């Protein structure tokens, strides 16, 4: 229910209660006034009849008594007059009402005892009656009996009914008037301003922070309107500041990305210069040595050519890894059997493991495990991790692989993703603790002496990040290294997570 309607109904209800109470009070007062007038008239009429009848009885002229009563009946046909002897027996009755004697018996009895006039109201039926009983006395004070008068209060009842109807009609008119005026005033001073405020609020909720309401009042509603306009202006200012801050942040992030790219480019360039510089120095030294020896033998030439071939292959591998890292194609994801994909890599490297005298332990589930991923890139991850494990493991050592269903959570622990995990655990020399933080850096390698380029694990990390998965590393010097990789089963994870 709307506020104007509530206010109008409340005012109308309050008016009805107040006016109703006032009307009841006035009707009661009117009834009392009419009753007092009727009693006064009865008292005057009774006193007059009392004197006339006493005089007639003193003169023993009963005919005069009847004549007086008949004359009274002619003037007021509704009056019943009853005369009682000293013993309380009815001697004369003028009137048509059969219940008049019953109405006056009690009053006559009280008058006989008290010797004083008695006037009261009787209401045996629908119409009320006023009853007056007056004692009749001789000059010596002895009792003649009593006279009783019964007058119906039809006129009084009609007047009260008319007054009641008039009062009710007046109260209803006042209530309707108060309700109409209240509705108009409430609509003018409350309903209309609130409607404008609601319309402006809807505009603000729709995004229009220029909406405002005109202020034309100096009351509470006007104050509310002023505060609303101030709030909208502050919201608009806050939104502009947020937009400016967002644009500034985007610009800063773009600058940071450019700086990061430049830093990465510098790091790659430095690493590339170092990695390619070493074999080039070897090639250059061999070439100068050949040029400075006039009597070189074919065996020495063959040996120099072999060095040229080895160092050239090394340069080619470095360039190939660099191109793979810098220009790796976008992942083409689809639902694949993760176990079958890893089995292919294990079979491929099984011969290399036997050549190195290393045992591969492969634990896998019997049922397929499905993930949404790029099969070639998953194999590239497995190839790099397994190759590094074989290289780090001494003869008669072992490399343990395990594939299983798992899950991982985001770094803040709020989102949990189902996944398939790949664990590669070797029994090799391990990695020094101070080097663990740099293991995924481009061109960082602990195998530089055997041709390591330092790009393999960087590629692994970038592939896993692109798939929304995680990679965790733990290593103990001279005991071995473990890599744990999680690929989300639905391919939808975006944020880096933590292994669970």
Protein backbone atom coordinates (compact mmCIF):
# COMPACT_ATOMS: atom_id res chain seq x y z
CA UNK A 1 0.00 0.00 0.00
CA UNK A 2 1.35 3.43 -0.96
CA UNK A 3 2.24 6.03 1.67
CA UNK A 4 -0.42 8.57 0.53
CA UNK A 5 -3.11 5.90 0.78
CA UNK A 6 -1.90 4.90 4.26
CA UNK A 7 -1.90 8.52 5.42
CA UNK A 8 -5.37 9.21 4.02
CA UNK A 9 -6.82 6.05 5.59
CA UNK A 10 -5.11 6.87 8.89
CA UNK A 11 -6.48 10.41 8.92
CA UNK A 12 -9.94 9.20 7.91
CA UNK A 13 -9.90 6.56 10.67
CA UNK A 14 -8.72 9.07 13.27
CA UNK A 15 -11.39 11.53 12.14
CA UNK A 16 -14.06 8.83 12.35
CA UNK A 17 -13.04 7.96 15.92
CA UNK A 18 -12.86 11.58 17.09
CA UNK A 19 -16.06 12.71 15.34
CA UNK A 20 -17.88 9.52 16.34
CA UNK A 21 -17.00 10.09 19.99
CA UNK A 22 -18.08 13.71 19.72
CA UNK A 23 -21.35 12.71 18.01
CA UNK A 24 -22.16 10.12 20.69
CA UNK A 25 -21.48 12.72 23.36
CA UNK A 26 -23.70 15.29 21.65
CA UNK A 27 -26.49 12.76 21.11
CA UNK A 28 -26.37 11.80 24.77
CA UNK A 29 -26.48 15.44 25.74
CA UNK A 30 -29.41 16.05 23.37
CA UNK A 31 -31.28 13.07 24.77
CA UNK A 32 -30.71 14.32 28.30
CA UNK A 33 -31.94 17.80 27.36
CA UNK A 34 -35.11 16.42 25.74
CA UNK A 35 -35.71 14.20 28.76
CA UNK A 36 -35.29 17.14 31.13
CA UNK A 37 -37.78 19.19 29.08
CA UNK A 38 -40.29 16.32 29.06
CA UNK A 39 -39.92 15.90 32.84
CA UNK A 40 -40.38 19.62 33.37
CA UNK A 41 -43.53 19.64 31.24
CA UNK A 42 -44.80 16.59 33.14
CA UNK A 43 -44.07 18.30 36.44
CA UNK A 44 -46.00 21.44 35.41
CA UNK A 45 -48.90 19.40 33.99
CA UNK A 46 -49.01 17.16 37.05
CA UNK A 47 -49.00 20.09 39.45
CA UNK A 48 -51.85 21.74 37.54
CA UNK A 49 -53.95 18.56 37.51
CA UNK A 50 -53.10 17.91 41.16
CA UNK A 51 -54.52 21.29 42.23
CA UNK A 52 -57.60 21.04 40.00
CA UNK A 53 -58.47 17.52 41.10
CA UNK A 54 -57.88 18.31 44.78
CA UNK A 55 -60.27 21.28 44.52
CA UNK A 56 -62.91 19.19 42.78
CA UNK A 57 -62.62 16.41 45.35
CA UNK A 58 -62.81 18.92 48.20
CA UNK A 59 -66.07 20.25 46.75
CA UNK A 60 -67.29 16.69 46.12
CA UNK A 61 -67.74 17.45 42.45
CA UNK A 62 -66.54 14.28 40.74
CA UNK A 63 -68.16 15.46 37.54
CA UNK A 64 -65.70 18.36 37.49
CA UNK A 65 -62.82 15.94 37.84
CA UNK A 66 -63.98 13.98 34.83
CA UNK A 67 -64.59 17.20 32.90
CA UNK A 68 -61.06 18.41 33.66
CA UNK A 69 -59.59 15.13 32.54
CA UNK A 70 -61.71 15.05 29.37
CA UNK A 71 -60.63 18.56 28.55
CA UNK A 72 -56.99 17.53 28.95
CA UNK A 73 -57.55 14.50 26.71
CA UNK A 74 -59.01 16.74 24.01
CA UNK A 75 -55.89 18.90 24.02
CA UNK A 76 -53.46 15.97 24.12
CA UNK A 77 -54.99 12.72 22.97
CA UNK A 78 -51.87 10.73 23.74
CA UNK A 79 -52.06 11.31 27.50
CA UNK A 80 -53.53 8.69 29.82
CA UNK A 81 -54.73 9.90 33.25
CA UNK A 82 -55.43 7.50 36.11
CA UNK A 83 -56.90 8.35 39.57
CA UNK A 84 -56.29 6.05 42.56
CA UNK A 85 -58.01 6.04 45.97
CA UNK A 86 -56.03 6.09 49.23
CA UNK A 87 -55.79 2.28 49.17
CA UNK A 88 -54.16 2.35 45.73
CA UNK A 89 -57.17 1.09 43.79
CA UNK A 90 -57.85 2.53 40.38
CA UNK A 91 -61.04 4.63 40.43
CA UNK A 92 -60.89 6.59 37.18
CA UNK A 93 -58.96 6.10 33.91
CA UNK A 94 -59.06 8.24 30.82
CA UNK A 95 -57.02 6.97 27.88
CA UNK A 96 -56.73 4.23 25.33
CA UNK A 97 -53.53 2.48 26.35
CA UNK A 98 -54.27 -0.86 28.10
CA UNK A 99 -50.80 -0.92 29.70
CA UNK A 100 -51.01 2.44 31.42
CA UNK A 101 -52.11 0.93 34.78
CA UNK A 102 -49.17 -1.47 34.74
CA UNK A 103 -46.74 1.38 34.02
CA UNK A 104 -47.89 3.50 36.99
CA UNK A 105 -48.47 0.92 39.74
CA UNK A 106 -44.94 1.07 41.10
CA UNK A 107 -44.84 4.87 40.92
CA UNK A 108 -48.22 5.15 42.69
CA UNK A 109 -47.01 2.81 45.43
CA UNK A 110 -43.87 4.92 46.00
CA UNK A 111 -45.96 8.13 46.09
CA UNK A 112 -48.29 6.63 48.73
CA UNK A 113 -45.23 5.93 50.89
CA UNK A 114 -43.26 9.11 50.29
CA UNK A 115 -46.17 11.54 49.80
CA UNK A 116 -43.97 13.28 47.21
CA UNK A 117 -44.43 13.62 43.42
CA UNK A 118 -42.48 11.13 41.31
CA UNK A 119 -41.54 11.47 37.62
CA UNK A 120 -39.51 8.89 35.68
CA UNK A 121 -39.13 7.28 32.26
CA UNK A 122 -40.60 3.86 31.44
CA UNK A 123 -39.69 1.92 28.28
CA UNK A 124 -41.72 -1.30 28.04
CA UNK A 125 -41.80 -1.43 24.25
CA UNK A 126 -40.46 0.24 21.19
CA UNK A 127 -41.65 3.67 22.37
CA UNK A 128 -40.72 5.14 25.72
CA UNK A 129 -43.17 6.77 28.13
CA UNK A 130 -42.81 9.38 30.80
CA UNK A 131 -44.76 8.59 33.97
CA UNK A 132 -45.72 11.12 36.63
CA UNK A 133 -47.42 10.25 39.95
CA UNK A 134 -48.70 12.99 42.26
CA UNK A 135 -50.36 12.67 45.72
CA UNK A 136 -53.86 14.14 46.32
CA UNK A 137 -54.30 15.74 49.78
CA UNK A 138 -57.14 17.29 51.70
CA UNK A 139 -56.82 20.59 53.42
CA UNK A 140 -56.23 18.81 56.70
CA UNK A 141 -53.38 16.86 55.13
CA UNK A 142 -55.18 13.53 54.86
CA UNK A 143 -54.84 11.43 51.77
CA UNK A 144 -57.29 11.60 48.88
CA UNK A 145 -55.27 9.07 46.91
CA UNK A 146 -53.10 9.87 43.92
CA UNK A 147 -53.22 10.81 40.28
CA UNK A 148 -50.93 9.32 37.63
CA UNK A 149 -50.18 10.65 34.13
CA UNK A 150 -48.69 8.57 31.31
CA UNK A 151 -47.46 10.36 28.21
CA UNK A 152 -45.81 8.52 25.28
CA UNK A 153 -42.51 10.00 24.12
CA UNK A 154 -43.13 9.54 20.41
CA UNK A 155 -42.10 13.10 19.67
CA UNK A 156 -38.98 12.78 21.81
CA UNK A 157 -38.02 9.52 20.09
CA UNK A 158 -38.63 11.01 16.65
CA UNK A 159 -36.51 14.06 17.56
CA UNK A 160 -33.68 11.81 18.79
CA UNK A 161 -33.86 9.66 15.67
CA UNK A 162 -33.76 12.75 13.46
CA UNK A 163 -30.89 14.16 15.46
CA UNK A 164 -29.02 10.84 15.25
CA UNK A 165 -29.46 10.65 11.48
CA UNK A 166 -28.36 14.23 11.12
CA UNK A 167 -25.32 13.66 13.29
CA UNK A 168 -24.30 10.51 11.38
CA UNK A 169 -24.71 12.30 8.06
CA UNK A 170 -22.63 15.22 9.30
CA UNK A 171 -19.89 12.91 10.58
CA UNK A 172 -19.77 11.00 7.29
CA UNK A 173 -19.64 14.25 5.37
CA UNK A 174 -16.80 15.50 7.54
CA UNK A 175 -14.89 12.23 7.15
CA UNK A 176 -15.29 12.29 3.37
CA UNK A 177 -14.22 15.93 3.33
CA UNK A 178 -11.20 15.28 5.54
CA UNK A 179 -10.21 12.25 3.42
CA UNK A 180 -10.52 14.21 0.17
CA UNK A 181 -8.55 17.19 1.47
CA UNK A 182 -5.98 14.86 3.06
CA UNK A 183 -5.55 12.93 -0.18
CA UNK A 184 -5.05 16.13 -2.14
CA UNK A 185 -2.54 17.56 0.35
CA UNK A 186 -0.65 14.27 0.78
CA UNK A 187 -0.49 13.79 -2.99
CA UNK A 188 0.70 17.38 -3.42
CA UNK A 189 3.28 17.48 -0.64
CA UNK A 190 4.36 13.81 -0.37
CA UNK A 191 3.18 11.64 -3.25
CA UNK A 192 4.31 13.82 -6.14
CA UNK A 193 7.82 14.56 -4.75
CA UNK A 194 8.34 10.88 -3.91
CA UNK A 195 7.27 9.90 -7.42
CA UNK A 196 9.84 12.28 -8.89
CA UNK A 197 12.48 10.87 -6.56
CA UNK A 198 11.63 7.28 -7.55
CA UNK A 199 11.84 8.19 -11.25
CA UNK A 200 15.24 9.81 -10.70
CA UNK A 201 16.44 6.76 -8.73
CA UNK A 202 15.44 4.47 -11.62
CA UNK A 203 17.42 6.67 -13.98
CA UNK A 204 20.44 6.48 -11.67
CA UNK A 205 20.12 2.69 -11.42
CA UNK A 206 20.02 2.56 -15.23
CA UNK A 207 23.37 4.37 -15.28
CA UNK A 208 22.30 7.98 -15.76
CA UNK A 209 24.28 9.81 -13.08
CA UNK A 210 23.20 13.21 -14.41
CA UNK A 211 19.63 12.73 -13.16
CA UNK A 212 18.39 15.25 -10.59
CA UNK A 213 15.17 16.44 -8.97
CA UNK A 214 14.21 20.11 -8.86
CA UNK A 215 14.07 21.56 -5.33
CA UNK A 216 11.12 23.86 -4.69
CA UNK A 217 10.52 23.31 -0.98
CA UNK A 218 12.18 24.01 2.34
CA UNK A 219 10.74 21.11 4.35
CA UNK A 220 11.94 17.56 5.03
CA UNK A 221 11.08 16.40 1.49
CA UNK A 222 13.08 19.31 0.12
CA UNK A 223 16.00 18.33 2.34
CA UNK A 224 15.72 14.74 1.09
CA UNK A 225 15.74 15.98 -2.52
CA UNK A 226 18.82 18.13 -1.89
CA UNK A 227 20.64 15.17 -0.30
CA UNK A 228 19.63 12.91 -3.21
CA UNK A 229 20.96 15.39 -5.77
CA UNK A 230 24.20 15.70 -3.79
CA UNK A 231 24.53 11.92 -3.62
CA UNK A 232 24.03 11.60 -7.40
CA UNK A 233 26.65 14.28 -8.06
CA UNK A 234 29.10 12.51 -5.78
CA UNK A 235 28.38 9.19 -7.49
CA UNK A 236 28.99 10.80 -10.87
CA UNK A 237 32.25 12.28 -9.63
CA UNK A 238 33.27 8.92 -8.14
CA UNK A 239 32.49 7.15 -11.41
CA UNK A 240 34.57 9.67 -13.37
CA UNK A 241 37.44 9.15 -10.96
CA UNK A 242 37.09 5.37 -11.29
CA UNK A 243 37.08 5.62 -15.07
CA UNK A 244 40.14 7.85 -14.96
CA UNK A 245 41.82 5.48 -12.52
CA UNK A 246 40.95 2.48 -14.72
CA UNK A 247 42.31 4.23 -17.80
CA UNK A 248 45.42 5.19 -15.89
CA UNK A 249 45.81 1.64 -14.64
CA UNK A 250 45.36 0.23 -18.14
CA UNK A 251 47.92 2.67 -19.44
CA UNK A 252 50.29 1.72 -16.63
CA UNK A 253 49.73 -1.98 -17.25
CA UNK A 254 50.35 -1.50 -20.96
CA UNK A 255 53.57 0.33 -20.11
CA UNK A 256 54.57 -2.41 -17.69
CA UNK A 257 53.87 -5.02 -20.33
CA UNK A 258 56.06 -3.12 -22.77
CA UNK A 259 58.78 -2.83 -20.15
CA UNK A 260 58.39 -6.54 -19.34
CA UNK A 261 58.66 -7.41 -23.01
CA UNK A 262 61.75 -5.26 -23.33
CA UNK A 263 63.22 -6.85 -20.20
CA UNK A 264 62.42 -10.31 -21.49
CA UNK A 265 63.85 -9.39 -24.88
CA UNK A 266 66.99 -8.12 -23.18
CA UNK A 267 67.24 -11.29 -21.11
CA UNK A 268 66.70 -13.46 -24.18
CA UNK A 269 69.24 -11.44 -26.14
CA UNK A 270 71.82 -11.71 -23.38
CA UNK A 271 71.20 -15.43 -22.99
CA UNK A 272 71.22 -15.94 -26.73
CA UNK A 273 74.48 -14.02 -27.07
CA UNK A 274 76.02 -16.11 -24.32
CA UNK A 275 74.69 -19.45 -25.58
CA UNK A 276 75.62 -18.85 -29.24
CA UNK A 277 78.83 -17.00 -28.36
CA UNK A 278 80.46 -20.06 -26.81
CA UNK A 279 80.16 -22.36 -29.84
CA UNK A 280 81.05 -19.47 -32.17
CA UNK A 281 84.25 -18.90 -30.20
CA UNK A 282 85.07 -22.57 -30.61
CA UNK A 283 84.38 -22.39 -34.35
CA UNK A 284 86.42 -19.20 -34.68
CA UNK A 285 89.36 -20.70 -32.76
CA UNK A 286 89.36 -23.84 -34.87
CA UNK A 287 89.18 -21.82 -38.07
CA UNK A 288 92.13 -19.62 -37.06
CA UNK A 289 94.11 -22.68 -36.03
CA UNK A 290 93.52 -24.25 -39.44
CA UNK A 291 94.47 -21.03 -41.19
CA UNK A 292 97.74 -20.75 -39.25
CA UNK A 293 98.93 -24.31 -40.07
CA UNK A 294 100.34 -24.64 -43.61
CA UNK A 295 101.10 -28.33 -43.29
CA UNK A 296 97.81 -29.63 -41.88
CA UNK A 297 97.01 -33.32 -42.22
CA UNK A 298 93.68 -34.82 -43.38
CA UNK A 299 93.14 -36.26 -39.91
CA UNK A 300 93.33 -32.86 -38.35
CA UNK A 301 90.96 -31.52 -40.98
CA UNK A 302 88.46 -34.28 -40.20
CA UNK A 303 88.77 -33.54 -36.48
CA UNK A 304 88.17 -29.82 -37.08
CA UNK A 305 85.20 -30.62 -39.32
CA UNK A 306 83.72 -32.78 -36.55
CA UNK A 307 84.04 -29.88 -34.08
CA UNK A 308 82.42 -27.58 -36.62
CA UNK A 309 79.54 -30.03 -37.00
CA UNK A 310 78.99 -30.45 -33.26
CA UNK A 311 79.09 -26.73 -32.50
CA UNK A 312 76.88 -25.92 -35.48
CA UNK A 313 74.33 -28.50 -34.25
CA UNK A 314 74.49 -26.85 -30.86
CA UNK A 315 73.79 -23.42 -32.37
CA UNK A 316 70.92 -24.90 -34.41
CA UNK A 317 69.36 -26.45 -31.29
CA UNK A 318 69.62 -23.15 -29.43
CA UNK A 319 67.95 -21.27 -32.27
CA UNK A 320 65.27 -23.95 -32.64
CA UNK A 321 64.43 -23.84 -28.93
CA UNK A 322 64.37 -20.06 -29.02
CA UNK A 323 61.96 -20.06 -31.96
CA UNK A 324 59.81 -22.64 -30.19
CA UNK A 325 59.68 -20.46 -27.09
CA UNK A 326 59.02 -17.18 -28.91
CA UNK A 327 56.70 -18.33 -31.70
CA UNK A 328 54.88 -21.26 -30.18
CA UNK A 329 51.52 -21.69 -31.93
CA UNK A 330 48.22 -21.19 -30.11
CA UNK A 331 46.85 -24.27 -28.40
CA UNK A 332 44.24 -26.28 -30.31
CA UNK A 333 42.25 -27.80 -27.48
CA UNK A 334 39.94 -30.75 -27.69
CA UNK A 335 38.99 -33.66 -25.46
CA UNK A 336 41.86 -36.15 -25.36
CA UNK A 337 42.76 -39.31 -23.46
CA UNK A 338 45.50 -38.01 -21.17
CA UNK A 339 46.81 -41.50 -20.30
CA UNK A 340 47.18 -42.57 -23.94
CA UNK A 341 48.94 -39.30 -24.75
CA UNK A 342 51.54 -39.87 -22.02
CA UNK A 343 51.96 -43.56 -22.97
CA UNK A 344 53.15 -42.44 -26.42
CA UNK A 345 55.97 -40.39 -24.90
CA UNK A 346 56.96 -43.15 -22.46
CA UNK A 347 57.20 -45.65 -25.34
CA UNK A 348 59.24 -43.17 -27.35
CA UNK A 349 61.81 -42.65 -24.58
CA UNK A 350 61.92 -46.24 -23.37
CA UNK A 351 64.88 -47.03 -25.65
CA UNK A 352 66.79 -43.96 -24.38
CA UNK A 353 66.15 -45.07 -20.79
CA UNK A 354 67.54 -48.55 -21.48
CA UNK A 355 70.59 -47.03 -23.18
CA UNK A 356 71.24 -44.94 -20.07
CA UNK A 357 70.60 -47.90 -17.75
CA UNK A 358 67.62 -46.14 -16.09
CA UNK A 359 64.40 -47.93 -15.15
CA UNK A 360 61.07 -46.17 -15.94
CA UNK A 361 58.25 -46.93 -13.51
CA UNK A 362 54.90 -45.93 -15.01
CA UNK A 363 51.78 -46.03 -12.80
CA UNK A 364 48.54 -45.32 -14.64
CA UNK A 365 44.82 -45.98 -14.16
CA UNK A 366 43.09 -48.65 -16.15
CA UNK A 367 40.29 -46.35 -17.30
CA UNK A 368 40.86 -43.38 -19.63
CA UNK A 369 41.16 -39.93 -18.10
CA UNK A 370 39.75 -37.18 -20.30
CA UNK A 371 41.03 -33.60 -20.42
CA UNK A 372 40.43 -30.67 -22.75
CA UNK A 373 43.90 -29.78 -24.01
CA UNK A 374 46.27 -29.66 -26.99
CA UNK A 375 47.64 -33.21 -27.37
CA UNK A 376 50.91 -32.09 -29.03
CA UNK A 377 51.63 -29.59 -26.25
CA UNK A 378 50.80 -32.15 -23.53
CA UNK A 379 53.30 -34.50 -25.19
CA UNK A 380 55.84 -31.68 -25.34
CA UNK A 381 55.46 -31.17 -21.57
CA UNK A 382 55.86 -34.88 -20.90
CA UNK A 383 58.84 -35.10 -23.30
CA UNK A 384 60.71 -32.24 -21.60
CA UNK A 385 60.05 -33.45 -18.06
CA UNK A 386 60.90 -37.09 -18.81
CA UNK A 387 64.02 -36.18 -20.83
CA UNK A 388 65.30 -33.99 -18.00
CA UNK A 389 64.60 -36.77 -15.48
CA UNK A 390 66.52 -39.34 -17.58
CA UNK A 391 69.43 -36.92 -17.99
CA UNK A 392 69.57 -36.26 -14.22
CA UNK A 393 69.31 -39.93 -13.19
CA UNK A 394 72.53 -41.97 -12.94
CA UNK A 395 72.87 -45.52 -14.27
CA UNK A 396 70.86 -48.10 -12.32
CA UNK A 397 68.58 -45.30 -11.11
CA UNK A 398 64.86 -45.02 -11.72
CA UNK A 399 62.32 -42.47 -13.00
CA UNK A 400 58.82 -42.76 -11.57
CA UNK A 401 55.82 -41.52 -13.60
CA UNK A 402 52.26 -41.49 -12.29
CA UNK A 403 48.99 -40.30 -13.88
CA UNK A 404 45.84 -40.01 -11.78
CA UNK A 405 42.63 -38.05 -11.31
CA UNK A 406 43.13 -35.16 -8.89
CA UNK A 407 42.18 -31.54 -8.20
CA UNK A 408 43.83 -28.22 -7.47
CA UNK A 409 42.64 -24.97 -5.91
CA UNK A 410 43.34 -21.36 -6.77
CA UNK A 411 46.02 -19.53 -4.83
CA UNK A 412 43.44 -17.89 -2.55
CA UNK A 413 41.82 -21.27 -1.88
CA UNK A 414 38.34 -20.17 -3.07
CA UNK A 415 37.90 -22.18 -6.29
CA UNK A 416 38.57 -25.88 -6.69
CA UNK A 417 39.15 -27.37 -10.13
CA UNK A 418 39.02 -31.06 -11.06
CA UNK A 419 42.15 -32.10 -12.92
CA UNK A 420 44.42 -34.90 -14.11
CA UNK A 421 47.91 -34.88 -12.61
CA UNK A 422 51.23 -36.04 -14.04
CA UNK A 423 54.02 -36.72 -11.52
CA UNK A 424 57.61 -37.16 -12.75
CA UNK A 425 59.93 -38.21 -9.94
CA UNK A 426 63.61 -39.10 -10.48
CA UNK A 427 66.40 -40.39 -8.22
CA UNK A 428 69.03 -38.10 -9.67
CA UNK A 429 71.36 -35.48 -8.30
CA UNK A 430 68.62 -32.99 -7.45
CA UNK A 431 68.73 -29.18 -7.64
CA UNK A 432 70.39 -26.87 -5.15
CA UNK A 433 67.88 -24.98 -3.03
CA UNK A 434 69.22 -21.58 -4.08
CA UNK A 435 68.54 -22.44 -7.74
CA UNK A 436 64.94 -23.58 -7.38
CA UNK A 437 63.55 -20.08 -7.85
CA UNK A 438 65.20 -19.68 -11.25
CA UNK A 439 64.49 -23.08 -12.72
CA UNK A 440 61.74 -21.82 -15.09
CA UNK A 441 63.70 -18.76 -16.32
CA UNK A 442 64.55 -18.71 -20.03
CA UNK A 443 68.17 -19.76 -20.74
CA UNK A 444 68.76 -20.79 -17.14
CA UNK A 445 70.19 -24.32 -17.10
CA UNK A 446 72.32 -26.55 -14.91
CA UNK A 447 73.31 -28.65 -17.97
CA UNK A 448 75.25 -26.07 -19.95
CA UNK A 449 78.27 -28.36 -20.07
CA UNK A 450 76.27 -31.03 -21.93
CA UNK A 451 74.43 -28.75 -24.32
CA UNK A 452 71.45 -27.62 -22.22
CA UNK A 453 69.79 -24.46 -23.57
CA UNK A 454 67.65 -23.50 -20.54
CA UNK A 455 64.47 -23.16 -22.66
CA UNK A 456 62.81 -26.54 -22.09
CA UNK A 457 61.25 -25.83 -18.69
CA UNK A 458 60.29 -22.29 -19.79
CA UNK A 459 58.27 -23.81 -22.61
CA UNK A 460 56.72 -26.33 -20.19
CA UNK A 461 55.70 -23.54 -17.81
CA UNK A 462 54.15 -21.41 -20.56
CA UNK A 463 52.14 -24.39 -21.94
CA UNK A 464 50.76 -25.27 -18.51
CA UNK A 465 49.88 -21.63 -17.78
CA UNK A 466 48.08 -21.36 -21.12
CA UNK A 467 45.98 -24.41 -20.24
CA UNK A 468 45.09 -22.92 -16.83
CA UNK A 469 46.92 -25.62 -14.92
CA UNK A 470 49.71 -25.67 -12.34
CA UNK A 471 53.22 -27.03 -12.02
CA UNK A 472 54.96 -27.65 -8.70
CA UNK A 473 58.61 -28.49 -8.09
CA UNK A 474 60.33 -30.10 -5.12
CA UNK A 475 63.95 -31.22 -5.04
CA UNK A 476 66.56 -32.44 -2.58
CA UNK A 477 70.23 -32.30 -3.37
CA UNK A 478 71.63 -35.79 -4.26
CA UNK A 479 68.21 -37.42 -3.64
CA UNK A 480 66.14 -36.44 -6.66
CA UNK A 481 63.57 -34.06 -8.10
CA UNK A 482 59.80 -34.25 -8.43
CA UNK A 483 57.59 -32.29 -10.84
CA UNK A 484 53.81 -32.37 -10.33
CA UNK A 485 51.66 -31.03 -13.18
CA UNK A 486 47.88 -30.48 -13.13
CA UNK A 487 45.78 -30.11 -16.29
CA UNK A 488 42.14 -29.01 -15.68
CA UNK A 489 39.68 -31.61 -16.93
CA UNK A 490 37.31 -28.99 -18.36
CA UNK A 491 39.98 -26.74 -19.81
CA UNK A 492 38.21 -23.71 -18.27
CA UNK A 493 40.51 -22.77 -15.39
CA UNK A 494 42.21 -19.43 -15.91
CA UNK A 495 43.99 -18.53 -12.69
CA UNK A 496 47.08 -20.18 -11.33
CA UNK A 497 46.37 -22.58 -8.53
CA UNK A 498 47.92 -24.61 -5.80
CA UNK A 499 48.28 -28.35 -5.67
CA UNK A 500 45.91 -30.13 -3.30
